[in-house]
Amino acid sequence: MVKATLMLVEDDRSTLMLLQTLLELEGFRVLVSENLSDIDTLLAGIRADKPDLLLVDVHLRKYSGLDLVRQLRQGGEIGSTRVLMTSGMEMNEECFQAGADAFLLKPFVPDDLVGRINELLTPSRG
């Protein structure tokens, strides 16, 4: 049974393949953002696929993951999509200011990633 749908926004092919394999083994449906050429195209893909959570690298080759999240948060029906950002540099504050729900410093332990994803996808009790 598939837990949730995740979309990976990562431009390093090796990292992308490792994450996809790990998350599929954990029972997630994993979508890979094939077209990272511009933010508008990526946002259109997010609107079409409606993932439950985005896993976004801060440092993409053509633009910043922070800019992507800022625009996502202004995006109507996709504006509430959960976002977990990652970076090899401590950018916790910048990610939260851009609108991320969580940040994970690379390199991370797979269990930490899966745990954080599960936390973000669990409805809060209130």
Protein backbone atom coordinates (compact mmCIF):
# COMPACT_ATOMS: atom_id res chain seq x y z
CA MET A 1 0.00 0.00 0.00
CA VAL A 2 1.39 3.39 -1.01
CA LYS A 3 1.79 5.78 1.91
CA ALA A 4 1.85 9.10 0.02
CA THR A 5 3.11 10.72 -3.16
CA LEU A 6 6.42 12.56 -2.97
CA MET A 7 8.07 14.69 -5.65
CA LEU A 8 11.85 14.98 -5.69
CA VAL A 9 13.28 18.31 -6.86
CA GLU A 10 16.98 17.49 -7.14
CA ASP A 11 19.38 18.04 -10.03
CA ASP A 12 22.13 15.64 -8.96
CA ARG A 13 21.34 12.41 -10.79
CA SER A 14 23.10 10.10 -8.28
CA THR A 15 21.34 11.68 -5.30
CA LEU A 16 18.04 11.55 -7.15
CA MET A 17 18.34 7.84 -7.91
CA LEU A 18 19.37 6.99 -4.33
CA LEU A 19 16.49 9.00 -2.85
CA GLN A 20 13.98 7.51 -5.27
CA THR A 21 15.06 3.96 -4.43
CA LEU A 22 15.07 4.58 -0.68
CA LEU A 23 11.67 6.23 -0.63
CA GLU A 24 10.05 3.64 -2.89
CA LEU A 25 11.36 0.90 -0.60
CA GLU A 26 9.66 2.76 2.26
CA GLY A 27 6.34 2.51 0.42
CA PHE A 28 6.06 6.00 -1.03
CA ARG A 29 5.02 6.76 -4.59
CA VAL A 30 7.93 8.84 -5.86
CA LEU A 31 7.72 11.33 -8.71
CA VAL A 32 10.90 12.76 -10.17
CA SER A 33 10.78 16.31 -11.48
CA GLU A 34 12.20 15.68 -14.94
CA ASN A 35 12.14 19.27 -16.15
CA LEU A 36 14.05 21.67 -13.93
CA SER A 37 14.67 24.22 -16.69
CA ASP A 38 12.54 26.92 -15.09
CA ILE A 39 10.35 27.44 -12.04
CA ASP A 40 7.12 28.00 -13.99
CA THR A 41 7.43 24.63 -15.77
CA LEU A 42 8.16 22.90 -12.47
CA LEU A 43 5.19 24.58 -10.76
CA ALA A 44 2.95 23.44 -13.63
CA GLY A 45 4.16 19.88 -13.04
CA ILE A 46 3.42 20.18 -9.32
CA ARG A 47 -0.10 21.45 -10.13
CA ALA A 48 -0.66 18.50 -12.49
CA ASP A 49 0.77 15.77 -10.22
CA LYS A 50 -0.43 17.15 -6.85
CA PRO A 51 2.19 15.44 -4.66
CA ASP A 52 1.62 15.26 -0.90
CA LEU A 53 5.16 16.47 -0.21
CA LEU A 54 8.05 18.04 -2.12
CA LEU A 55 11.63 17.18 -1.23
CA VAL A 56 13.57 20.20 -2.56
CA ASP A 57 17.31 20.76 -2.75
CA VAL A 58 18.18 24.38 -1.93
CA HIS A 59 20.97 24.60 -4.52
CA LEU A 60 19.69 23.75 -7.98
CA ARG A 61 21.82 24.55 -11.03
CA LYS A 62 19.51 27.01 -12.75
CA TYR A 63 17.78 28.65 -9.79
CA SER A 64 17.40 28.43 -6.04
CA GLY A 65 15.06 25.98 -4.37
CA LEU A 66 14.24 28.89 -2.05
CA ASP A 67 12.78 30.83 -5.01
CA LEU A 68 10.76 27.78 -5.99
CA VAL A 69 9.25 27.48 -2.50
CA ARG A 70 8.47 31.22 -2.34
CA GLN A 71 6.55 30.96 -5.62
CA LEU A 72 4.88 27.72 -4.56
CA ARG A 73 3.50 29.40 -1.45
CA GLN A 74 1.75 31.95 -3.69
CA GLY A 75 0.33 29.19 -5.90
CA GLY A 76 -3.31 28.83 -4.89
CA GLU A 77 -4.26 25.16 -4.74
CA ILE A 78 -0.63 23.99 -4.51
CA GLY A 79 0.37 26.62 -1.97
CA SER A 80 -0.26 24.30 0.97
CA THR A 81 1.86 21.42 -0.36
CA ARG A 82 4.24 20.20 2.36
CA VAL A 83 7.90 21.04 1.65
CA LEU A 84 11.05 19.49 3.10
CA MET A 85 14.20 21.29 1.97
CA THR A 86 17.74 19.92 2.06
CA SER A 87 21.20 21.43 1.71
CA GLY A 88 24.81 20.66 2.48
CA MET A 89 25.00 24.08 4.18
CA GLU A 90 23.12 25.13 7.31
CA MET A 91 20.22 27.07 5.79
CA ASN A 92 17.48 26.27 8.28
CA GLU A 93 16.40 29.88 8.82
CA GLU A 94 16.43 30.80 5.11
CA CYS A 95 14.32 27.75 4.26
CA PHE A 96 11.70 28.54 6.89
CA GLN A 97 11.58 32.17 5.78
CA ALA A 98 10.96 31.02 2.20
CA GLY A 99 8.03 28.89 3.39
CA ALA A 100 9.47 25.40 3.91
CA ASP A 101 7.83 23.16 6.48
CA ALA A 102 11.13 21.51 7.48
CA PHE A 103 14.86 21.47 6.73
CA LEU A 104 17.36 18.60 6.76
CA LEU A 105 21.13 19.11 6.61
CA LYS A 106 23.04 16.88 4.17
CA PRO A 107 24.42 14.34 4.52
CA PHE A 108 21.54 12.84 6.45
CA VAL A 109 20.81 9.35 7.68
CA PRO A 110 18.04 7.68 5.65
CA ASP A 111 16.02 7.01 8.83
CA ASP A 112 16.11 10.75 9.65
CA LEU A 113 14.77 11.60 6.19
CA VAL A 114 11.97 9.03 6.34
CA GLY A 115 11.10 10.06 9.90
CA ARG A 116 10.90 13.73 8.94
CA ILE A 117 8.73 12.94 5.90
CA ASN A 118 6.37 10.85 8.03
CA GLU A 119 6.13 13.67 10.60
CA LEU A 120 5.22 16.17 7.89
CA LEU A 121 2.58 13.89 6.41
CA THR A 122 0.93 13.05 9.74
CA PRO A 123 -2.01 15.35 10.43
CA SER A 124 -1.42 17.33 13.60
CA ARG A 125 -3.76 16.63 16.46
CA GLY A 126 -5.30 19.67 17.94
